[in-house]
N, C-alpha and C. Protein backbone atom coordinates (compact mmCIF):
# COMPACT_ATOMS: atom_id res chain seq x y z
N MET A 1 -15.54 -52.41 -24.34
CA MET A 1 -16.76 -51.66 -24.20
C MET A 1 -16.45 -50.18 -24.30
N ARG A 2 -17.15 -49.50 -25.12
CA ARG A 2 -16.93 -48.08 -25.31
C ARG A 2 -18.05 -47.28 -24.65
N THR A 3 -17.64 -46.22 -23.95
CA THR A 3 -18.63 -45.30 -23.35
C THR A 3 -18.25 -43.87 -23.73
N SER A 4 -19.25 -43.07 -23.92
CA SER A 4 -18.97 -41.66 -24.26
C SER A 4 -18.80 -40.85 -22.98
N LEU A 5 -18.04 -39.80 -23.11
CA LEU A 5 -17.85 -38.93 -21.96
C LEU A 5 -19.14 -38.17 -21.66
N THR A 6 -19.26 -37.72 -20.41
CA THR A 6 -20.52 -37.09 -20.01
C THR A 6 -20.77 -35.77 -20.72
N PHE A 7 -19.72 -35.04 -21.04
CA PHE A 7 -19.98 -33.75 -21.69
C PHE A 7 -20.29 -33.91 -23.17
N TRP A 8 -20.26 -35.12 -23.71
CA TRP A 8 -20.65 -35.35 -25.09
C TRP A 8 -22.14 -35.66 -25.22
N ARG A 9 -22.76 -35.93 -24.12
CA ARG A 9 -24.18 -36.29 -24.16
C ARG A 9 -25.03 -35.06 -24.44
N ARG A 10 -26.14 -35.28 -25.06
CA ARG A 10 -27.06 -34.19 -25.35
C ARG A 10 -27.76 -33.74 -24.08
N SER A 11 -28.09 -32.47 -24.08
CA SER A 11 -28.82 -31.91 -22.95
C SER A 11 -30.28 -32.35 -23.02
N PRO A 12 -30.89 -32.63 -21.88
CA PRO A 12 -32.30 -33.05 -21.92
C PRO A 12 -33.24 -31.89 -22.30
N VAL A 13 -32.76 -30.65 -22.22
CA VAL A 13 -33.59 -29.50 -22.57
C VAL A 13 -33.41 -29.19 -24.04
N SER A 14 -34.49 -28.92 -24.71
CA SER A 14 -34.43 -28.60 -26.13
C SER A 14 -33.76 -27.25 -26.33
N ALA A 15 -33.01 -27.10 -27.39
CA ALA A 15 -32.30 -25.85 -27.67
C ALA A 15 -33.23 -24.79 -28.25
N SER A 16 -34.41 -25.19 -28.68
CA SER A 16 -35.32 -24.24 -29.31
C SER A 16 -36.38 -23.72 -28.34
N THR A 17 -36.03 -23.58 -27.07
CA THR A 17 -36.96 -23.05 -26.09
C THR A 17 -37.19 -21.56 -26.39
N PRO A 18 -38.41 -21.14 -26.60
CA PRO A 18 -38.64 -19.73 -26.95
C PRO A 18 -38.40 -18.83 -25.74
N ILE A 19 -37.89 -17.64 -26.02
CA ILE A 19 -37.67 -16.65 -24.98
C ILE A 19 -38.89 -15.73 -24.97
N VAL A 20 -39.51 -15.62 -23.81
CA VAL A 20 -40.71 -14.80 -23.68
C VAL A 20 -40.32 -13.51 -22.99
N MET A 21 -40.62 -12.38 -23.63
CA MET A 21 -40.34 -11.08 -23.03
C MET A 21 -41.66 -10.41 -22.71
N HIS A 22 -41.77 -9.91 -21.49
CA HIS A 22 -42.98 -9.23 -21.06
C HIS A 22 -42.72 -7.74 -21.01
N ARG A 23 -43.51 -6.98 -21.71
CA ARG A 23 -43.39 -5.54 -21.70
C ARG A 23 -44.40 -4.97 -20.71
N PRO A 24 -44.00 -3.92 -20.01
CA PRO A 24 -44.96 -3.32 -19.08
C PRO A 24 -46.10 -2.66 -19.85
N GLU A 25 -47.25 -2.57 -19.18
CA GLU A 25 -48.43 -1.98 -19.82
C GLU A 25 -48.30 -0.47 -19.98
N GLU A 26 -47.69 0.20 -18.99
CA GLU A 26 -47.56 1.66 -19.04
C GLU A 26 -46.12 2.05 -19.34
N ILE A 27 -45.93 3.28 -19.80
CA ILE A 27 -44.61 3.80 -20.15
C ILE A 27 -43.95 4.36 -18.89
N ASP A 28 -42.67 4.03 -18.68
CA ASP A 28 -41.92 4.57 -17.54
C ASP A 28 -41.35 5.93 -17.97
N TRP A 29 -42.06 7.00 -17.64
CA TRP A 29 -41.69 8.33 -18.10
C TRP A 29 -40.39 8.82 -17.48
N ARG A 30 -40.15 8.47 -16.21
CA ARG A 30 -38.90 8.90 -15.57
C ARG A 30 -37.70 8.32 -16.31
N ARG A 31 -37.76 7.04 -16.65
CA ARG A 31 -36.66 6.41 -17.37
C ARG A 31 -36.49 7.03 -18.75
N LEU A 32 -37.61 7.33 -19.41
CA LEU A 32 -37.55 7.94 -20.73
C LEU A 32 -36.93 9.33 -20.67
N ILE A 33 -37.26 10.12 -19.66
CA ILE A 33 -36.70 11.46 -19.51
C ILE A 33 -35.21 11.39 -19.21
N VAL A 34 -34.79 10.45 -18.34
CA VAL A 34 -33.37 10.30 -18.03
C VAL A 34 -32.60 9.88 -19.27
N GLN A 35 -33.13 8.95 -20.05
CA GLN A 35 -32.45 8.53 -21.27
C GLN A 35 -32.36 9.68 -22.27
N PHE A 36 -33.41 10.48 -22.39
CA PHE A 36 -33.38 11.63 -23.29
C PHE A 36 -32.33 12.64 -22.84
N GLY A 37 -32.26 12.91 -21.52
CA GLY A 37 -31.27 13.85 -20.99
C GLY A 37 -29.85 13.36 -21.22
N LEU A 38 -29.61 12.07 -20.98
CA LEU A 38 -28.28 11.52 -21.22
C LEU A 38 -27.92 11.56 -22.70
N GLY A 39 -28.90 11.33 -23.56
CA GLY A 39 -28.65 11.44 -25.00
C GLY A 39 -28.28 12.87 -25.40
N LEU A 40 -28.98 13.86 -24.80
CA LEU A 40 -28.63 15.26 -25.06
C LEU A 40 -27.22 15.58 -24.60
N LEU A 41 -26.84 15.08 -23.42
CA LEU A 41 -25.48 15.31 -22.93
C LEU A 41 -24.44 14.71 -23.87
N LEU A 42 -24.68 13.49 -24.32
CA LEU A 42 -23.75 12.86 -25.24
C LEU A 42 -23.66 13.64 -26.55
N PHE A 43 -24.80 14.06 -27.06
CA PHE A 43 -24.82 14.84 -28.30
C PHE A 43 -24.08 16.16 -28.11
N ALA A 44 -24.30 16.83 -26.97
CA ALA A 44 -23.62 18.10 -26.70
C ALA A 44 -22.12 17.90 -26.57
N ASN A 45 -21.70 16.80 -25.93
CA ASN A 45 -20.27 16.53 -25.79
C ASN A 45 -19.61 16.28 -27.14
N LEU A 46 -20.35 15.79 -28.08
CA LEU A 46 -19.79 15.58 -29.41
C LEU A 46 -19.75 16.87 -30.22
N LEU A 47 -20.69 17.79 -29.97
CA LEU A 47 -20.75 19.02 -30.77
C LEU A 47 -19.93 20.17 -30.20
N VAL A 48 -19.77 20.24 -28.88
CA VAL A 48 -19.07 21.38 -28.27
C VAL A 48 -17.64 21.53 -28.76
N PRO A 49 -16.85 20.47 -28.89
CA PRO A 49 -15.48 20.67 -29.39
C PRO A 49 -15.44 21.27 -30.79
N LEU A 50 -16.45 21.04 -31.58
CA LEU A 50 -16.46 21.61 -32.93
C LEU A 50 -16.71 23.12 -32.89
N ALA A 51 -17.43 23.59 -31.87
CA ALA A 51 -17.78 25.00 -31.80
C ALA A 51 -16.84 25.80 -30.90
N ALA A 52 -16.02 25.13 -30.11
CA ALA A 52 -15.16 25.84 -29.16
C ALA A 52 -13.95 26.44 -29.87
N ASN A 53 -13.52 27.59 -29.38
CA ASN A 53 -12.32 28.23 -29.91
C ASN A 53 -11.19 28.05 -28.90
N ALA A 54 -10.01 27.76 -29.39
CA ALA A 54 -8.86 27.57 -28.51
C ALA A 54 -8.39 28.91 -27.97
N GLN A 55 -7.86 28.89 -26.75
CA GLN A 55 -7.34 30.10 -26.14
C GLN A 55 -5.92 30.33 -26.63
N ASN A 56 -5.63 31.52 -27.08
CA ASN A 56 -4.31 31.86 -27.56
C ASN A 56 -3.56 32.57 -26.43
N LEU A 57 -2.54 31.92 -25.90
CA LEU A 57 -1.79 32.48 -24.78
C LEU A 57 -0.54 33.21 -25.21
N GLY A 58 -0.23 33.21 -26.48
CA GLY A 58 0.95 33.92 -26.96
C GLY A 58 2.23 33.19 -26.59
N THR A 59 3.35 33.96 -26.54
CA THR A 59 4.65 33.34 -26.27
C THR A 59 5.13 33.59 -24.85
N SER A 60 4.40 34.35 -24.05
CA SER A 60 4.86 34.63 -22.68
C SER A 60 4.53 33.46 -21.77
N PRO A 61 5.41 33.18 -20.80
CA PRO A 61 5.11 32.10 -19.85
C PRO A 61 3.92 32.48 -18.97
N GLN A 62 3.14 31.48 -18.58
CA GLN A 62 1.94 31.70 -17.77
C GLN A 62 2.25 31.32 -16.32
N PHE A 63 2.81 32.26 -15.56
CA PHE A 63 3.17 31.98 -14.18
C PHE A 63 1.91 31.88 -13.33
N GLY A 64 1.88 30.87 -12.45
CA GLY A 64 0.74 30.68 -11.57
C GLY A 64 -0.40 29.90 -12.21
N GLN A 65 -0.33 29.66 -13.50
CA GLN A 65 -1.39 28.92 -14.18
C GLN A 65 -0.89 27.62 -14.78
N ALA A 66 0.39 27.49 -14.95
CA ALA A 66 0.96 26.28 -15.53
C ALA A 66 2.28 26.01 -14.81
N VAL A 67 3.02 25.05 -15.28
CA VAL A 67 4.33 24.78 -14.71
C VAL A 67 5.18 26.04 -14.84
N GLN A 68 5.88 26.39 -13.78
CA GLN A 68 6.65 27.63 -13.78
C GLN A 68 7.64 27.63 -14.93
N GLY A 69 7.60 28.70 -15.75
CA GLY A 69 8.51 28.81 -16.88
C GLY A 69 8.00 28.14 -18.13
N GLN A 70 6.84 27.48 -18.07
CA GLN A 70 6.27 26.81 -19.24
C GLN A 70 4.98 27.51 -19.64
N GLN A 71 4.63 27.39 -20.88
CA GLN A 71 3.35 27.93 -21.33
C GLN A 71 2.25 26.95 -20.95
N ALA A 72 1.06 27.47 -20.82
CA ALA A 72 -0.07 26.61 -20.49
C ALA A 72 -0.44 25.70 -21.65
N THR A 73 0.10 25.98 -22.84
CA THR A 73 -0.22 25.14 -23.99
C THR A 73 0.74 23.96 -24.12
N THR A 74 1.78 23.89 -23.29
CA THR A 74 2.71 22.76 -23.36
C THR A 74 2.11 21.56 -22.65
N VAL A 75 2.71 20.42 -22.83
CA VAL A 75 2.22 19.20 -22.20
C VAL A 75 2.27 19.32 -20.68
N GLU A 76 3.37 19.88 -20.14
CA GLU A 76 3.51 20.00 -18.70
C GLU A 76 2.43 20.91 -18.11
N GLY A 77 2.19 22.03 -18.79
CA GLY A 77 1.16 22.94 -18.32
C GLY A 77 -0.23 22.34 -18.40
N THR A 78 -0.48 21.61 -19.45
CA THR A 78 -1.79 20.97 -19.61
C THR A 78 -2.02 19.94 -18.52
N VAL A 79 -1.00 19.11 -18.24
CA VAL A 79 -1.14 18.08 -17.20
C VAL A 79 -1.38 18.73 -15.84
N LEU A 80 -0.63 19.80 -15.54
CA LEU A 80 -0.83 20.46 -14.25
C LEU A 80 -2.22 21.07 -14.16
N ASN A 81 -2.70 21.66 -15.25
CA ASN A 81 -4.04 22.23 -15.23
C ASN A 81 -5.10 21.15 -15.03
N ILE A 82 -4.92 20.00 -15.66
CA ILE A 82 -5.89 18.90 -15.50
C ILE A 82 -5.86 18.38 -14.06
N VAL A 83 -4.66 18.23 -13.49
CA VAL A 83 -4.56 17.76 -12.11
C VAL A 83 -5.18 18.78 -11.16
N ASN A 84 -4.91 20.09 -11.40
CA ASN A 84 -5.52 21.12 -10.55
C ASN A 84 -7.04 21.07 -10.64
N TRP A 85 -7.56 20.94 -11.83
CA TRP A 85 -9.01 20.88 -12.01
C TRP A 85 -9.58 19.65 -11.32
N GLY A 86 -8.93 18.51 -11.48
CA GLY A 86 -9.42 17.29 -10.83
C GLY A 86 -9.38 17.35 -9.32
N CYS A 87 -8.28 17.89 -8.77
CA CYS A 87 -8.12 17.92 -7.31
C CYS A 87 -8.89 19.06 -6.65
N ASN A 88 -9.09 20.17 -7.36
CA ASN A 88 -9.73 21.32 -6.75
C ASN A 88 -11.21 21.45 -7.06
N VAL A 89 -11.69 20.76 -8.10
CA VAL A 89 -13.09 20.91 -8.48
C VAL A 89 -13.81 19.56 -8.53
N ILE A 90 -13.33 18.66 -9.37
CA ILE A 90 -14.08 17.44 -9.64
C ILE A 90 -14.14 16.52 -8.42
N ALA A 91 -13.00 16.21 -7.82
CA ALA A 91 -12.99 15.28 -6.69
C ALA A 91 -13.82 15.79 -5.50
N PRO A 92 -13.71 17.06 -5.09
CA PRO A 92 -14.55 17.51 -3.96
C PRO A 92 -16.05 17.49 -4.26
N VAL A 93 -16.43 17.84 -5.49
CA VAL A 93 -17.85 17.85 -5.83
C VAL A 93 -18.41 16.44 -5.80
N ILE A 94 -17.70 15.49 -6.39
CA ILE A 94 -18.17 14.10 -6.38
C ILE A 94 -18.13 13.55 -4.96
N ALA A 95 -17.13 13.96 -4.14
CA ALA A 95 -17.06 13.50 -2.76
C ALA A 95 -18.26 13.97 -1.96
N VAL A 96 -18.64 15.22 -2.13
CA VAL A 96 -19.82 15.73 -1.41
C VAL A 96 -21.07 15.00 -1.86
N ALA A 97 -21.18 14.72 -3.15
CA ALA A 97 -22.34 13.96 -3.65
C ALA A 97 -22.36 12.56 -3.06
N CYS A 98 -21.21 11.89 -2.99
CA CYS A 98 -21.14 10.54 -2.41
C CYS A 98 -21.50 10.55 -0.93
N LEU A 99 -21.01 11.56 -0.21
CA LEU A 99 -21.34 11.64 1.21
C LEU A 99 -22.82 11.94 1.42
N GLY A 100 -23.40 12.74 0.51
CA GLY A 100 -24.84 12.98 0.59
C GLY A 100 -25.64 11.72 0.34
N VAL A 101 -25.23 10.94 -0.65
CA VAL A 101 -25.92 9.68 -0.92
C VAL A 101 -25.74 8.72 0.25
N ALA A 102 -24.55 8.72 0.87
CA ALA A 102 -24.33 7.86 2.04
C ALA A 102 -25.27 8.26 3.18
N GLY A 103 -25.44 9.56 3.40
CA GLY A 103 -26.38 10.00 4.44
C GLY A 103 -27.80 9.60 4.13
N TRP A 104 -28.18 9.71 2.86
CA TRP A 104 -29.53 9.32 2.46
C TRP A 104 -29.74 7.81 2.64
N HIS A 105 -28.75 7.01 2.27
CA HIS A 105 -28.85 5.56 2.46
C HIS A 105 -28.88 5.21 3.95
N PHE A 106 -28.10 5.90 4.77
CA PHE A 106 -28.10 5.65 6.21
C PHE A 106 -29.48 5.95 6.79
N LYS A 107 -30.07 7.05 6.35
CA LYS A 107 -31.38 7.46 6.85
C LYS A 107 -32.45 6.46 6.47
N SER A 108 -32.35 5.90 5.25
CA SER A 108 -33.37 4.96 4.79
C SER A 108 -33.07 3.51 5.17
N GLY A 109 -31.96 3.29 5.86
CA GLY A 109 -31.67 1.94 6.35
C GLY A 109 -31.02 1.03 5.33
N ARG A 110 -30.42 1.58 4.31
CA ARG A 110 -29.75 0.76 3.30
C ARG A 110 -28.24 0.83 3.52
N GLY A 111 -27.50 0.11 2.69
CA GLY A 111 -26.04 0.09 2.81
C GLY A 111 -25.44 1.44 2.45
N TYR A 112 -24.68 2.01 3.35
CA TYR A 112 -24.12 3.34 3.15
C TYR A 112 -22.60 3.35 3.17
N LEU A 113 -21.97 2.28 3.61
CA LEU A 113 -20.53 2.29 3.84
C LEU A 113 -19.74 2.51 2.56
N GLY A 114 -20.15 1.89 1.46
CA GLY A 114 -19.42 2.05 0.20
C GLY A 114 -19.44 3.49 -0.28
N TRP A 115 -20.59 4.15 -0.19
CA TRP A 115 -20.69 5.55 -0.58
C TRP A 115 -19.84 6.42 0.33
N GLY A 116 -19.89 6.15 1.62
CA GLY A 116 -19.11 6.96 2.57
C GLY A 116 -17.61 6.81 2.35
N VAL A 117 -17.15 5.59 2.15
CA VAL A 117 -15.72 5.36 1.93
C VAL A 117 -15.28 6.02 0.63
N THR A 118 -16.12 5.95 -0.41
CA THR A 118 -15.78 6.59 -1.68
C THR A 118 -15.67 8.10 -1.52
N GLY A 119 -16.60 8.71 -0.78
CA GLY A 119 -16.55 10.15 -0.55
C GLY A 119 -15.31 10.56 0.22
N VAL A 120 -14.98 9.82 1.27
CA VAL A 120 -13.78 10.14 2.06
C VAL A 120 -12.52 9.94 1.21
N ALA A 121 -12.49 8.87 0.41
CA ALA A 121 -11.32 8.61 -0.43
C ALA A 121 -11.12 9.73 -1.46
N LEU A 122 -12.21 10.25 -2.02
CA LEU A 122 -12.08 11.35 -2.97
C LEU A 122 -11.59 12.62 -2.28
N MET A 123 -12.01 12.84 -1.05
CA MET A 123 -11.49 14.00 -0.30
C MET A 123 -10.00 13.84 -0.01
N VAL A 124 -9.58 12.62 0.30
CA VAL A 124 -8.15 12.36 0.55
C VAL A 124 -7.35 12.59 -0.73
N ILE A 125 -7.88 12.12 -1.87
CA ILE A 125 -7.20 12.33 -3.14
C ILE A 125 -7.08 13.82 -3.43
N SER A 126 -8.15 14.56 -3.17
CA SER A 126 -8.12 16.00 -3.38
C SER A 126 -7.06 16.66 -2.48
N GLY A 127 -7.02 16.26 -1.22
CA GLY A 127 -6.04 16.84 -0.30
C GLY A 127 -4.61 16.50 -0.68
N LEU A 128 -4.37 15.26 -1.10
CA LEU A 128 -3.02 14.87 -1.51
C LEU A 128 -2.59 15.64 -2.76
N GLY A 129 -3.52 15.85 -3.68
CA GLY A 129 -3.18 16.64 -4.87
C GLY A 129 -2.85 18.08 -4.53
N ARG A 130 -3.61 18.66 -3.61
CA ARG A 130 -3.31 20.03 -3.18
C ARG A 130 -1.99 20.10 -2.43
N MET A 131 -1.69 19.08 -1.63
CA MET A 131 -0.42 19.05 -0.91
C MET A 131 0.75 18.96 -1.89
N ALA A 132 0.63 18.10 -2.90
CA ALA A 132 1.70 17.99 -3.90
C ALA A 132 1.86 19.29 -4.67
N GLU A 133 0.74 19.95 -4.96
CA GLU A 133 0.81 21.24 -5.65
C GLU A 133 1.54 22.27 -4.78
N GLY A 134 1.28 22.26 -3.49
CA GLY A 134 1.98 23.17 -2.58
C GLY A 134 3.47 22.88 -2.51
N PHE A 135 3.82 21.59 -2.47
CA PHE A 135 5.24 21.23 -2.45
C PHE A 135 5.94 21.71 -3.72
N ILE A 136 5.29 21.54 -4.86
CA ILE A 136 5.89 21.94 -6.13
C ILE A 136 6.05 23.45 -6.18
N THR A 137 5.04 24.17 -5.72
CA THR A 137 5.10 25.63 -5.74
C THR A 137 6.21 26.15 -4.83
N GLN A 138 6.37 25.56 -3.65
CA GLN A 138 7.41 26.00 -2.72
C GLN A 138 8.81 25.62 -3.21
N ALA A 139 8.92 24.53 -3.95
CA ALA A 139 10.24 24.07 -4.40
C ALA A 139 10.74 24.87 -5.60
N GLN A 140 9.95 25.73 -6.18
CA GLN A 140 10.38 26.48 -7.35
C GLN A 140 11.50 27.46 -7.02
N GLY A 141 11.55 27.94 -5.78
CA GLY A 141 12.57 28.91 -5.40
C GLY A 141 13.90 28.29 -5.02
N ILE A 142 13.99 26.97 -4.88
CA ILE A 142 15.22 26.30 -4.48
C ILE A 142 16.13 26.17 -5.69
N GLN A 143 17.38 26.61 -5.56
CA GLN A 143 18.32 26.53 -6.68
C GLN A 143 19.36 25.47 -6.42
């Protein structure tokens, strides 16, 4: 006696079930404005590099702005500048925004712990980056 396996059997539901999509009657203007703004940002991010001029630092080393003894145009100087920017500007700004959202969620009775932990973690990352920068700066004088 032969029997077919269960996964070989046809599904009782027809495969040609139509998908019905319901569109809202009115236009969501807030969503449309946000999408337009994000599109402008994306377009600007694509065009700005074409219009920007590179900074010419010459052949002198850039002390205090890049790795000591290196030009800011070298890989080491660029990485240090990116880390400084991330730890001194980007992480604290996003941390304050996350902590603000956490306070708003706490006030309205929604989940706030994830936002709060993210804000504190970004502040810790910023502090650790500044601490490492201080260690590197102090170690430059050791021979």
